[in-house]
Amino acid sequence: MFSPPHHLPDRFHLVFLCAGEWGGGNGFSPLPLVPVLGGLPPARSCLEMLLPLLPCLVLCLLLLPLAVLWRRRPSQDARLSWLVHLQHRVAWGALCWAAAWQRKSLVRSTLHAGQSQQRALRRCLQGAQSPRCPLRGSTDIGVFRNHLPLTKASQLQEEESGVQLLPPTSNQYRGEVSLQATLLGLAALKKTCPEVLAPEGTARVTPSSPWPYPLPWPWHALGQLGPAGAKDPRALLLEALRSPGLRVLEAGTAVELLDVFLGLEADGEELAEALAAGNPGASLPRRAAELREALEQGPRGLALRLWPKLQVVVTLDAGGQAEAVAALGALWCQGLAFFSPAYAASGGAVGLSLWPEQPHGLYLLPPGGPFIELLPLKEGTREEAAPTILLAEAQKGKEYELVLTDHTSLTRCRLGDVVQVVGAYNQCPVVRFICRLGQTLSVRGEDTGEDVFSEALGRAVGQWPGARLLDHGCVESSILDSSEGSAPHYEVFVALKGLRNLSEENRDKSTINPRTLVAGCS
């Protein structure tokens, strides 16, 4: 069972280096164990998993046109409101049914992680389209490792056939893990905060969705505001602003949500005029006045002033989110909980986040989705220390690099994502994201990792009272030709929020004691 750490220090990571954010704190309660009788069931496709839900799907589809017509009425007729509530109940019933099924499947697979990974490898080899696949008839892990060497994403080149080998990617994050992350994430969120997913209580303010496996059919039934497939961020934001009763705010990533709030502050008057003029929709002069008043009070707590019932922000943790999450939590989304249903690497969703009540950033690596290996790293140097291991062999406290096998080109790709095992759920590790390999500073041969540098930079920025780090960049002095006879060093550029009455003297980078950075990087 999972043995949580009692304390995990907060970290800051470089946004432009694609780091990830994690939250520390007390442990979480694992999913309840379900008795297992007999062997493991055969692998099933996502379509087969959803077949038992067909009656509920049909009922939702029959109710959808009537519900949409009701929502488009200028005046909401109470006699038709029961359609929306009925559709909402049916949709939630279907999702909870599917989530319970996925929960039992997850428990079974984690109880027998080795066998589950064997099946995942078999599916991977059967679906391989590479002409260099010599393993179609074998699922032996040793043979698999011997025939297919590890490959870094930076080393992938075009083969003689002209087929380019790319790191395993999935723009839509499809697959078994993605479906589990969506269904179990929704069910866990509803269990933790039952009232947050009320009808018309959710709005997405970015074109991309935080849910790895979007399910189009229940989204309107569950009360998601905004037109389906909307691509205009301004239209999505206006739709959210028109609804003061929101309980859940969704965005593709925390970085995207940060851009939304920065744009809201910059274009606040224009948005208020659109609300007052009814462009689009009905004229809402009172809501426009509320928007102006909320913006006048500054960024801190802006989300709760606009949406007093708001409780949770849902974004997808895909790396490079630490600074955005910290800035949002300290300013615009102060007082709100953050939830990410999954951790998405370059190979799609690879980790499940099943405990919304716990700190942001702890993920379960499931054995039944993409074939995942863990590459042990040496302490301190983070260099390759030993051959890859399977999930069940992971040790608590150790750091590993994620290795994902692409079934299309049959490439064992080192993703560069470094994770630390903080516990276990049955036979599978629970991890937190640490950093990205290869993202180091070495202007004088010091080999400073991004996590160490980012933590030191966070301390340095802390010397400015009230300052919040939004983003930063770092280049070598030789590139800018700014050494001026001094030893090689770094030029750090920061984007800050929350500073007031900052004098020119305090704006100068010399006010940050270099020893603060040196101490953190030593």
Protein backbone atom coordinates (compact mmCIF):
# COMPACT_ATOMS: atom_id res chain seq x y z
CA MET A 1 0.00 0.00 0.00
CA PHE A 2 1.04 3.60 -0.42
CA SER A 3 3.25 5.01 2.32
CA PRO A 4 3.17 8.77 1.88
CA PRO A 5 6.01 11.13 2.72
CA HIS A 6 5.37 13.42 5.66
CA HIS A 7 6.88 16.42 3.94
CA LEU A 8 7.92 17.21 0.42
CA PRO A 9 9.47 20.65 -0.26
CA ASP A 10 7.91 22.90 -2.85
CA ARG A 11 9.86 23.26 -6.08
CA PHE A 12 10.06 25.74 -8.92
CA HIS A 13 10.90 24.68 -12.47
CA LEU A 14 11.82 26.41 -15.70
CA VAL A 15 8.78 26.91 -17.90
CA PHE A 16 10.79 27.10 -21.10
CA LEU A 17 12.61 23.88 -20.17
CA CYS A 18 9.35 21.89 -19.94
CA ALA A 19 9.57 20.98 -16.28
CA GLY A 20 6.66 19.73 -14.20
CA GLU A 21 5.03 20.86 -11.02
CA TRP A 22 4.28 18.73 -8.03
CA GLY A 23 2.82 19.40 -4.64
CA GLY A 24 4.05 18.12 -1.34
CA GLY A 25 2.27 17.36 1.87
CA ASN A 26 0.54 14.55 3.65
CA GLY A 27 -0.27 11.31 1.95
CA PHE A 28 -3.42 10.25 0.25
CA SER A 29 -5.90 7.45 0.75
CA PRO A 30 -5.54 4.76 -1.91
CA LEU A 31 -8.43 3.30 -3.82
CA PRO A 32 -10.27 0.55 -1.94
CA LEU A 33 -9.08 -2.93 -2.80
CA VAL A 34 -11.51 -5.15 -4.64
CA PRO A 35 -11.32 -8.95 -4.21
CA VAL A 36 -10.11 -10.68 -7.34
CA LEU A 37 -11.23 -14.18 -8.29
CA GLY A 38 -9.42 -16.15 -10.95
CA GLY A 39 -6.94 -14.83 -13.47
CA LEU A 40 -6.70 -11.52 -15.20
CA PRO A 41 -9.27 -10.73 -17.88
CA PRO A 42 -8.16 -10.38 -21.50
CA ALA A 43 -7.29 -6.93 -22.74
CA ARG A 44 -10.23 -4.94 -24.07
CA SER A 45 -10.41 -2.02 -26.39
CA CYS A 46 -11.88 1.28 -25.30
CA LEU A 47 -14.90 0.61 -27.51
CA GLU A 48 -15.55 -2.72 -25.81
CA MET A 49 -15.30 -1.02 -22.42
CA LEU A 50 -18.06 1.42 -23.38
CA LEU A 51 -20.48 -1.10 -24.92
CA PRO A 52 -22.38 -1.74 -21.64
CA LEU A 53 -23.12 1.97 -21.51
CA LEU A 54 -24.99 1.90 -24.83
CA PRO A 55 -28.52 2.18 -23.33
CA CYS A 56 -27.52 5.23 -21.28
CA LEU A 57 -25.80 6.75 -24.29
CA VAL A 58 -28.91 6.34 -26.42
CA LEU A 59 -31.10 7.92 -23.74
CA CYS A 60 -28.71 10.87 -23.39
CA LEU A 61 -28.68 11.38 -27.16
CA LEU A 62 -32.48 11.35 -27.27
CA LEU A 63 -32.68 13.95 -24.52
CA LEU A 64 -29.88 16.14 -25.91
CA PRO A 65 -31.86 17.98 -28.66
CA LEU A 66 -34.65 18.93 -26.25
CA ALA A 67 -32.14 20.09 -23.64
CA VAL A 68 -30.24 22.18 -26.19
CA LEU A 69 -33.46 23.80 -27.39
CA TRP A 70 -34.37 24.65 -23.80
CA ARG A 71 -30.98 26.25 -23.16
CA ARG A 72 -31.33 28.42 -26.26
CA ARG A 73 -34.70 29.84 -25.23
CA PRO A 74 -34.54 33.57 -24.38
CA SER A 75 -36.42 32.89 -21.17
CA GLN A 76 -35.81 29.61 -19.41
CA ASP A 77 -39.10 27.78 -19.08
CA ALA A 78 -39.30 25.94 -15.75
CA ARG A 79 -41.58 23.38 -17.37
CA LEU A 80 -38.67 22.19 -19.54
CA SER A 81 -35.89 22.44 -16.97
CA TRP A 82 -36.54 18.87 -15.86
CA LEU A 83 -35.10 17.69 -19.20
CA VAL A 84 -31.70 19.15 -18.38
CA HIS A 85 -31.69 17.72 -14.87
CA LEU A 86 -32.83 14.31 -16.14
CA GLN A 87 -30.13 14.27 -18.77
CA HIS A 88 -27.58 15.33 -16.16
CA ARG A 89 -28.60 12.45 -13.88
CA VAL A 90 -28.51 9.90 -16.70
CA ALA A 91 -25.09 11.10 -17.88
CA TRP A 92 -23.66 10.94 -14.38
CA GLY A 93 -25.15 7.50 -13.86
CA ALA A 94 -23.46 6.27 -17.02
CA LEU A 95 -20.12 7.83 -16.09
CA CYS A 96 -20.19 6.47 -12.54
CA TRP A 97 -20.98 3.02 -13.92
CA ALA A 98 -18.07 3.23 -16.34
CA ALA A 99 -15.78 4.63 -13.63
CA ALA A 100 -16.61 1.75 -11.27
CA TRP A 101 -15.72 -0.68 -14.03
CA GLN A 102 -12.44 1.11 -14.70
CA ARG A 103 -11.67 1.22 -10.96
CA LYS A 104 -12.01 -2.56 -10.66
CA SER A 105 -9.93 -3.05 -13.79
CA LEU A 106 -7.22 -0.77 -12.39
CA VAL A 107 -7.13 -2.62 -9.06
CA ARG A 108 -6.80 -5.99 -10.82
CA SER A 109 -4.03 -4.76 -13.08
CA THR A 110 -2.03 -3.18 -10.24
CA LEU A 111 -2.32 -6.33 -8.12
CA HIS A 112 -0.63 -8.24 -10.95
CA ALA A 113 1.60 -5.55 -12.43
CA GLY A 114 4.05 -7.98 -14.05
CA GLN A 115 1.35 -9.85 -15.96
CA SER A 116 -0.36 -6.60 -16.92
CA GLN A 117 2.87 -5.25 -18.39
CA GLN A 118 3.40 -8.49 -20.29
CA ARG A 119 0.01 -7.98 -21.92
CA ALA A 120 0.84 -4.35 -22.66
CA LEU A 121 4.07 -5.46 -24.34
CA ARG A 122 2.21 -8.09 -26.35
CA ARG A 123 -0.26 -5.50 -27.64
CA CYS A 124 2.60 -3.17 -28.44
CA LEU A 125 4.44 -5.79 -30.49
CA GLN A 126 1.29 -6.94 -32.26
CA GLY A 127 0.55 -3.39 -33.35
CA ALA A 128 4.10 -2.61 -34.46
CA GLN A 129 4.29 -1.24 -37.99
CA SER A 130 8.08 -1.01 -38.16
CA PRO A 131 9.84 -3.16 -40.79
CA ARG A 132 12.60 -3.81 -38.25
CA CYS A 133 10.34 -5.66 -35.82
CA PRO A 134 11.94 -9.09 -35.08
CA LEU A 135 9.83 -9.78 -31.98
CA ARG A 136 6.31 -10.38 -33.20
CA GLY A 137 6.29 -13.89 -31.79
CA SER A 138 8.07 -13.17 -28.50
CA THR A 139 7.10 -11.23 -25.40
CA ASP A 140 10.16 -12.06 -23.32
CA ILE A 141 11.36 -8.88 -21.62
CA GLY A 142 15.02 -9.85 -21.93
CA VAL A 143 14.75 -10.53 -25.65
CA PHE A 144 12.82 -7.30 -26.08
CA ARG A 145 15.54 -5.25 -24.38
CA ASN A 146 18.37 -6.96 -26.26
CA HIS A 147 16.83 -6.41 -29.69
CA LEU A 148 15.65 -2.84 -29.15
CA PRO A 149 18.24 -0.49 -27.62
CA LEU A 150 17.24 2.66 -25.78
CA THR A 151 16.96 5.77 -27.91
CA LYS A 152 16.91 9.40 -26.86
CA ALA A 153 14.39 11.68 -28.49
CA SER A 154 17.22 13.90 -29.73
CA GLN A 155 18.85 10.94 -31.47
CA LEU A 156 15.84 9.89 -33.53
CA GLN A 157 16.60 10.31 -37.21
CA GLU A 158 15.05 9.33 -40.49
CA GLU A 159 15.60 5.75 -41.62
CA GLU A 160 16.77 4.86 -45.10
CA SER A 161 13.15 4.20 -46.06
CA GLY A 162 12.37 7.84 -45.40
CA VAL A 163 10.12 7.09 -42.43
CA GLN A 164 10.94 9.47 -39.63
CA LEU A 165 11.14 7.97 -36.17
CA LEU A 166 9.54 10.34 -33.73
CA PRO A 167 9.23 10.14 -29.98
CA PRO A 168 5.94 8.48 -29.11
CA THR A 169 3.31 11.19 -29.20
CA SER A 170 -0.45 11.44 -29.17
CA ASN A 171 -2.07 14.82 -29.70
CA GLN A 172 -5.39 13.61 -28.36
CA TYR A 173 -3.87 11.44 -25.60
CA ARG A 174 -6.01 8.47 -26.64
CA GLY A 175 -5.71 5.06 -25.04
CA GLU A 176 -6.60 2.98 -22.04
CA VAL A 177 -4.78 5.19 -19.53
CA SER A 178 -6.40 8.31 -20.99
CA LEU A 179 -9.86 6.79 -20.65
CA GLN A 180 -9.11 5.70 -17.08
CA ALA A 181 -7.78 9.16 -16.20
CA THR A 182 -10.92 10.86 -17.50
CA LEU A 183 -13.51 8.52 -16.00
CA LEU A 184 -11.79 8.02 -12.63
CA GLY A 185 -10.86 11.69 -12.43
CA LEU A 186 -14.45 12.82 -12.94
CA ALA A 187 -15.75 10.29 -10.42
CA ALA A 188 -13.11 11.25 -7.83
CA LEU A 189 -13.84 14.94 -8.31
CA LYS A 190 -17.56 14.38 -7.82
CA LYS A 191 -16.94 12.26 -4.71
CA THR A 192 -14.64 14.87 -3.15
CA CYS A 193 -16.82 17.87 -4.02
CA PRO A 194 -20.30 16.60 -4.94
CA GLU A 195 -21.69 20.05 -5.68
CA VAL A 196 -18.98 21.21 -8.10
CA LEU A 197 -20.34 19.32 -11.10
CA ALA A 198 -23.88 20.66 -10.93
CA PRO A 199 -25.73 21.50 -14.19
CA GLU A 200 -24.16 24.47 -15.97
CA GLY A 201 -21.49 24.66 -13.29
CA THR A 202 -18.43 24.02 -15.47
CA ALA A 203 -16.77 26.22 -18.08
CA ARG A 204 -13.67 25.66 -20.21
CA VAL A 205 -11.79 28.84 -21.13
CA THR A 206 -9.24 27.38 -23.56
CA PRO A 207 -9.73 25.49 -26.84
CA SER A 208 -7.88 22.46 -25.45
CA SER A 209 -9.40 20.28 -22.75
CA PRO A 210 -7.66 19.12 -19.55
CA TRP A 211 -9.33 15.71 -19.81
CA PRO A 212 -7.04 13.27 -21.68
CA TYR A 213 -9.97 11.40 -23.26
CA PRO A 214 -12.80 13.87 -23.92
CA LEU A 215 -16.20 12.16 -24.11
CA PRO A 216 -18.35 14.37 -26.39
CA TRP A 217 -21.71 12.81 -25.59
CA PRO A 218 -21.99 13.65 -21.87
CA TRP A 219 -20.26 17.02 -21.88
CA HIS A 220 -23.41 19.08 -22.55
CA ALA A 221 -25.41 16.76 -20.32
CA LEU A 222 -22.99 17.41 -17.47
CA GLY A 223 -23.54 21.15 -17.78
CA GLN A 224 -20.39 22.21 -19.63
CA LEU A 225 -20.86 25.76 -20.86
CA GLY A 226 -19.69 26.94 -24.22
CA PRO A 227 -20.29 25.65 -27.73
CA ALA A 228 -18.88 22.23 -28.52
CA GLY A 229 -15.56 22.39 -30.36
CA ALA A 230 -15.19 26.14 -29.84
CA LYS A 231 -11.73 27.36 -30.84
CA ASP A 232 -11.93 31.07 -30.05
CA PRO A 233 -10.49 31.72 -26.56
CA ARG A 234 -12.29 35.07 -26.36
CA ALA A 235 -15.67 33.46 -27.04
CA LEU A 236 -15.00 30.81 -24.41
CA LEU A 237 -14.00 33.43 -21.85
CA LEU A 238 -17.08 35.54 -22.58
CA GLU A 239 -19.32 32.51 -22.14
CA ALA A 240 -17.72 31.84 -18.76
CA LEU A 241 -18.04 35.49 -17.71
CA ARG A 242 -21.76 35.40 -18.48
CA SER A 243 -22.25 32.72 -15.80
CA PRO A 244 -21.52 33.95 -12.24
CA GLY A 245 -22.53 30.59 -10.74
CA LEU A 246 -19.58 28.56 -12.05
CA ARG A 247 -18.10 25.95 -9.72
CA VAL A 248 -15.37 24.47 -11.96
CA LEU A 249 -12.99 26.32 -14.26
CA GLU A 250 -11.19 24.21 -16.87
CA ALA A 251 -8.17 24.96 -19.05
CA GLY A 252 -5.85 22.82 -21.13
CA THR A 253 -2.83 23.63 -18.96
CA ALA A 254 -1.96 26.04 -16.18
CA VAL A 255 0.20 28.04 -18.59
CA GLU A 256 -2.80 28.52 -20.89
CA LEU A 257 -4.97 29.57 -17.95
CA LEU A 258 -2.33 32.09 -16.90
CA ASP A 259 -2.49 33.60 -20.40
CA VAL A 260 -6.29 33.77 -20.08
CA PHE A 261 -6.13 35.81 -16.87
CA LEU A 262 -3.41 38.08 -18.22
CA GLY A 263 -5.57 38.68 -21.28
CA LEU A 264 -8.60 39.28 -19.07
CA GLU A 265 -6.76 42.05 -17.24
CA ALA A 266 -5.47 43.58 -20.47
CA ASP A 267 -8.80 43.48 -22.33
CA GLY A 268 -11.15 43.82 -19.36
CA GLU A 269 -12.92 46.96 -20.58
CA GLU A 270 -13.48 45.49 -24.04
CA LEU A 271 -14.95 42.32 -22.52
CA ALA A 272 -17.18 44.37 -20.21
CA GLU A 273 -18.51 46.33 -23.19
CA ALA A 274 -19.25 43.06 -25.01
CA LEU A 275 -21.23 41.80 -22.02
CA ALA A 276 -23.17 45.04 -21.72
CA ALA A 277 -23.95 45.11 -25.45
CA GLY A 278 -24.98 41.46 -25.56
CA ASN A 279 -22.33 40.48 -28.07
CA PRO A 280 -22.97 37.60 -28.16
CA GLY A 281 -26.16 36.68 -26.31
CA ALA A 282 -28.46 38.80 -24.21
CA SER A 283 -27.36 42.16 -22.84
CA LEU A 284 -25.91 41.88 -19.31
CA PRO A 285 -25.10 45.41 -18.07
CA ARG A 286 -25.11 44.33 -14.43
CA ARG A 287 -22.60 41.55 -15.12
CA ALA A 288 -20.43 44.03 -17.04
CA ALA A 289 -20.40 46.32 -13.99
CA GLU A 290 -19.41 43.37 -11.78
CA LEU A 291 -16.52 42.58 -14.13
CA ARG A 292 -15.24 46.17 -14.01
CA GLU A 293 -15.50 46.27 -10.22
CA ALA A 294 -13.66 42.94 -9.85
CA LEU A 295 -10.83 44.08 -12.12
CA GLU A 296 -10.41 47.36 -10.22
CA GLN A 297 -9.49 45.42 -7.07
CA GLY A 298 -6.44 43.84 -8.70
CA PRO A 299 -5.46 40.27 -9.60
CA ARG A 300 -5.43 38.73 -6.13
CA GLY A 301 -8.59 36.65 -5.69
CA LEU A 302 -10.03 37.76 -9.05
CA ALA A 303 -11.50 34.35 -9.92
CA LEU A 304 -13.54 34.16 -6.71
CA ARG A 305 -14.80 37.72 -7.16
CA LEU A 306 -16.02 36.86 -10.65
CA TRP A 307 -17.39 33.44 -9.70
CA PRO A 308 -18.16 33.35 -5.93
CA LYS A 309 -19.15 29.66 -6.02
CA LEU A 310 -15.98 28.54 -7.79
CA GLN A 311 -14.19 25.70 -5.96
CA VAL A 312 -11.71 23.93 -8.22
CA VAL A 313 -9.51 24.60 -11.25
CA VAL A 314 -8.90 21.64 -13.57
CA THR A 315 -5.79 21.67 -15.79
CA LEU A 316 -3.64 18.96 -17.36
CA ASP A 317 -0.16 18.61 -15.88
CA ALA A 318 2.07 18.20 -18.90
CA GLY A 319 5.37 19.62 -17.67
CA GLY A 320 6.51 23.22 -17.47
CA GLN A 321 3.58 24.20 -15.26
CA ALA A 322 5.18 24.90 -11.87
CA GLU A 323 5.55 28.65 -12.14
CA ALA A 324 2.12 29.08 -13.72
CA VAL A 325 0.43 27.04 -10.98
CA ALA A 326 2.28 28.96 -8.26
CA ALA A 327 1.37 32.32 -9.79
CA LEU A 328 -2.28 31.37 -10.30
CA GLY A 329 -2.60 30.02 -6.77
CA ALA A 330 -1.02 33.11 -5.24
CA LEU A 331 -2.92 35.69 -7.30
CA TRP A 332 -5.88 35.13 -9.63
CA CYS A 333 -6.98 31.72 -8.28
CA GLN A 334 -6.14 32.33 -4.64
CA GLY A 335 -8.18 30.09 -2.35
CA LEU A 336 -9.05 27.54 -5.04
CA ALA A 337 -8.01 23.90 -5.33
CA PHE A 338 -6.15 22.64 -8.40
CA PHE A 339 -6.71 19.21 -9.94
CA SER A 340 -4.99 17.47 -12.84
CA PRO A 341 -6.57 14.17 -13.97
CA ALA A 342 -3.29 12.87 -15.42
CA TYR A 343 0.35 13.53 -16.11
CA ALA A 344 0.95 13.76 -19.86
CA ALA A 345 4.42 13.22 -21.26
CA SER A 346 5.41 13.18 -24.93
CA GLY A 347 3.90 9.71 -25.20
CA GLY A 348 0.47 10.77 -23.98
CA ALA A 349 -1.07 10.23 -20.56
CA VAL A 350 1.32 8.09 -18.51
CA GLY A 351 0.21 8.78 -14.93
CA LEU A 352 -3.14 8.82 -13.14
CA SER A 353 -4.12 11.40 -10.51
CA LEU A 354 -6.91 9.80 -8.51
CA TRP A 355 -6.92 11.80 -5.29
CA PRO A 356 -8.25 15.37 -5.79
CA GLU A 357 -8.15 16.07 -2.06
CA GLN A 358 -4.38 15.55 -1.94
CA PRO A 359 -1.55 17.87 -3.03
CA HIS A 360 -1.17 18.49 -6.73
CA GLY A 361 1.47 16.38 -8.45
CA LEU A 362 1.32 12.74 -7.27
CA TYR A 363 0.64 10.18 -9.98
CA LEU A 364 0.13 6.44 -10.24
CA LEU A 365 1.96 4.73 -13.11
CA PRO A 366 -0.52 2.08 -14.33
CA PRO A 367 0.72 -1.16 -15.92
CA GLY A 368 -1.99 -1.79 -18.48
CA GLY A 369 -1.66 1.18 -20.81
CA PRO A 370 1.44 2.09 -22.82
CA PHE A 371 4.46 -0.10 -22.10
CA ILE A 372 6.47 1.89 -19.54
CA GLU A 373 9.95 1.08 -18.26
CA LEU A 374 11.96 2.87 -15.58
CA LEU A 375 15.63 3.67 -16.11
CA PRO A 376 17.50 3.94 -12.78
CA LEU A 377 19.64 7.07 -12.37
CA LYS A 378 22.72 7.65 -10.25
CA GLU A 379 22.18 9.87 -7.24
CA GLY A 380 23.59 13.34 -7.70
CA THR A 381 24.61 12.94 -11.34
CA ARG A 382 21.32 11.58 -12.77
CA GLU A 383 23.27 9.48 -15.22
CA GLU A 384 22.19 6.05 -16.36
CA ALA A 385 23.00 3.61 -13.55
CA ALA A 386 21.57 0.25 -14.65
CA PRO A 387 19.32 -1.42 -17.23
CA THR A 388 15.65 -0.55 -17.24
CA ILE A 389 13.25 -2.17 -14.79
CA LEU A 390 9.51 -2.82 -14.79
CA LEU A 391 7.03 -0.94 -12.62
CA ALA A 392 6.80 -3.61 -9.92
CA GLU A 393 10.59 -3.38 -9.37
CA ALA A 394 10.63 0.34 -8.53
CA GLN A 395 12.04 1.29 -5.12
CA LYS A 396 10.71 4.05 -2.91
CA GLY A 397 12.91 7.14 -2.81
CA LYS A 398 14.77 6.31 -6.03
CA GLU A 399 14.76 8.46 -9.15
CA TYR A 400 14.06 7.05 -12.60
CA GLU A 401 13.74 8.28 -16.15
CA LEU A 402 10.57 7.27 -17.97
CA VAL A 403 11.02 5.04 -21.03
CA LEU A 404 8.06 4.58 -23.36
CA THR A 405 7.81 2.16 -26.29
CA ASP A 406 6.13 3.48 -29.42
CA HIS A 407 4.09 0.70 -31.04
CA THR A 408 4.15 2.44 -34.44
CA SER A 409 7.92 2.56 -34.99
CA LEU A 410 8.76 0.17 -32.12
CA THR A 411 11.15 2.62 -30.52
CA ARG A 412 12.15 2.47 -26.85
CA CYS A 413 12.31 6.20 -26.27
CA ARG A 414 13.87 7.84 -23.23
CA LEU A 415 11.41 10.65 -22.61
CA GLY A 416 13.76 12.68 -20.41
CA ASP A 417 11.13 12.98 -17.65
CA VAL A 418 12.69 12.22 -14.25
CA VAL A 419 10.34 10.98 -11.54
CA GLN A 420 10.87 10.00 -7.92
CA VAL A 421 8.99 7.10 -6.36
CA VAL A 422 7.20 8.31 -3.22
CA GLY A 423 5.17 5.18 -2.53
CA ALA A 424 3.27 2.31 -4.08
CA TYR A 425 -0.30 1.34 -4.83
CA ASN A 426 -0.42 -2.47 -4.82
CA GLN A 427 2.52 -3.36 -7.11
CA CYS A 428 2.72 -0.06 -9.02
CA PRO A 429 4.72 3.04 -8.09
CA VAL A 430 3.26 6.40 -7.14
CA VAL A 431 5.62 9.11 -8.38
CA ARG A 432 6.17 12.83 -8.48
CA PHE A 433 7.79 14.68 -11.35
CA ILE A 434 11.30 16.05 -10.64
CA CYS A 435 12.77 17.56 -13.79
CA ARG A 436 13.78 17.00 -17.39
CA LEU A 437 17.13 15.46 -18.23
CA GLY A 438 19.42 17.39 -20.53
CA GLN A 439 18.17 20.74 -19.22
CA THR A 440 21.33 21.79 -17.39
CA LEU A 441 23.49 24.89 -17.05
CA SER A 442 27.20 24.39 -17.54
CA VAL A 443 28.84 27.68 -18.47
CA ARG A 444 31.85 26.83 -16.27
CA GLY A 445 31.48 23.05 -16.16
CA GLU A 446 29.31 23.10 -13.03
CA ASP A 447 26.46 20.98 -14.54
CA THR A 448 23.57 22.61 -12.65
CA GLY A 449 20.22 20.86 -13.07
CA GLU A 450 17.04 22.76 -13.85
CA ASP A 451 15.35 21.81 -10.57
CA VAL A 452 18.28 23.11 -8.50
CA PHE A 453 18.53 26.34 -10.49
CA SER A 454 14.77 26.95 -10.36
CA GLU A 455 14.64 26.45 -6.61
CA ALA A 456 17.50 28.90 -6.16
CA LEU A 457 15.84 31.41 -8.47
CA GLY A 458 12.66 31.16 -6.41
CA ARG A 459 14.61 32.10 -3.29
CA ALA A 460 16.23 35.01 -5.09
CA VAL A 461 12.91 36.41 -6.31
CA GLY A 462 11.64 36.10 -2.75
CA GLN A 463 13.90 39.04 -1.86
CA TRP A 464 11.33 41.29 -3.58
CA PRO A 465 8.35 41.43 -1.16
CA GLY A 466 5.10 40.57 -2.89
CA ALA A 467 6.76 39.48 -6.13
CA ARG A 468 5.38 36.44 -7.96
CA LEU A 469 7.42 34.72 -10.64
CA LEU A 470 5.39 34.20 -13.83
CA ASP A 471 8.13 33.12 -16.21
CA HIS A 472 11.85 33.41 -16.75
CA GLY A 473 14.64 32.71 -19.19
CA CYS A 474 18.36 32.19 -18.82
CA VAL A 475 21.18 32.60 -21.34
CA GLU A 476 24.95 32.54 -21.13
CA SER A 477 26.68 35.90 -20.97
CA SER A 478 28.79 35.04 -24.02
CA ILE A 479 25.66 34.85 -26.18
CA LEU A 480 24.66 38.40 -25.21
CA ASP A 481 28.23 39.64 -25.40
CA SER A 482 27.79 41.18 -21.96
CA SER A 483 30.70 39.67 -20.06
CA GLU A 484 32.62 42.98 -20.05
CA GLY A 485 35.81 41.24 -19.04
CA SER A 486 34.20 39.29 -16.18
CA ALA A 487 34.13 35.54 -15.81
CA PRO A 488 31.43 33.66 -17.77
CA HIS A 489 28.06 33.90 -16.06
CA TYR A 490 24.32 33.76 -16.72
CA GLU A 491 21.87 36.50 -17.60
CA VAL A 492 18.48 35.74 -16.04
CA PHE A 493 15.32 37.48 -17.28
CA VAL A 494 12.20 37.27 -15.12
CA ALA A 495 8.53 38.17 -15.59
CA LEU A 496 7.12 39.24 -12.22
CA LYS A 497 3.70 40.16 -10.88
CA GLY A 498 2.70 41.88 -7.68
CA LEU A 499 5.43 44.51 -7.44
CA ARG A 500 4.37 48.05 -6.59
CA ASN A 501 6.35 51.30 -6.41
CA LEU A 502 9.52 49.54 -7.52
CA SER A 503 12.37 52.02 -7.80
CA GLU A 504 14.93 51.93 -10.58
CA GLU A 505 17.54 50.91 -8.02
CA ASN A 506 15.51 47.88 -6.97
CA ARG A 507 14.80 46.97 -10.59
CA ASP A 508 18.50 46.39 -11.20
CA LYS A 509 19.49 42.74 -11.15
CA SER A 510 22.36 43.58 -8.80
CA THR A 511 19.85 43.88 -5.95
CA ILE A 512 19.55 40.09 -6.04
CA ASN A 513 22.48 38.79 -4.08
CA PRO A 514 24.39 36.41 -6.38
CA ARG A 515 25.24 34.30 -3.34
CA THR A 516 21.57 33.34 -3.12
CA LEU A 517 21.82 31.65 -6.50
CA VAL A 518 25.28 30.24 -5.86
CA ALA A 519 24.21 28.71 -2.53
CA GLY A 520 21.23 27.06 -4.13
CA CYS A 521 23.25 25.67 -7.03
CA SER A 522 26.24 24.43 -5.06
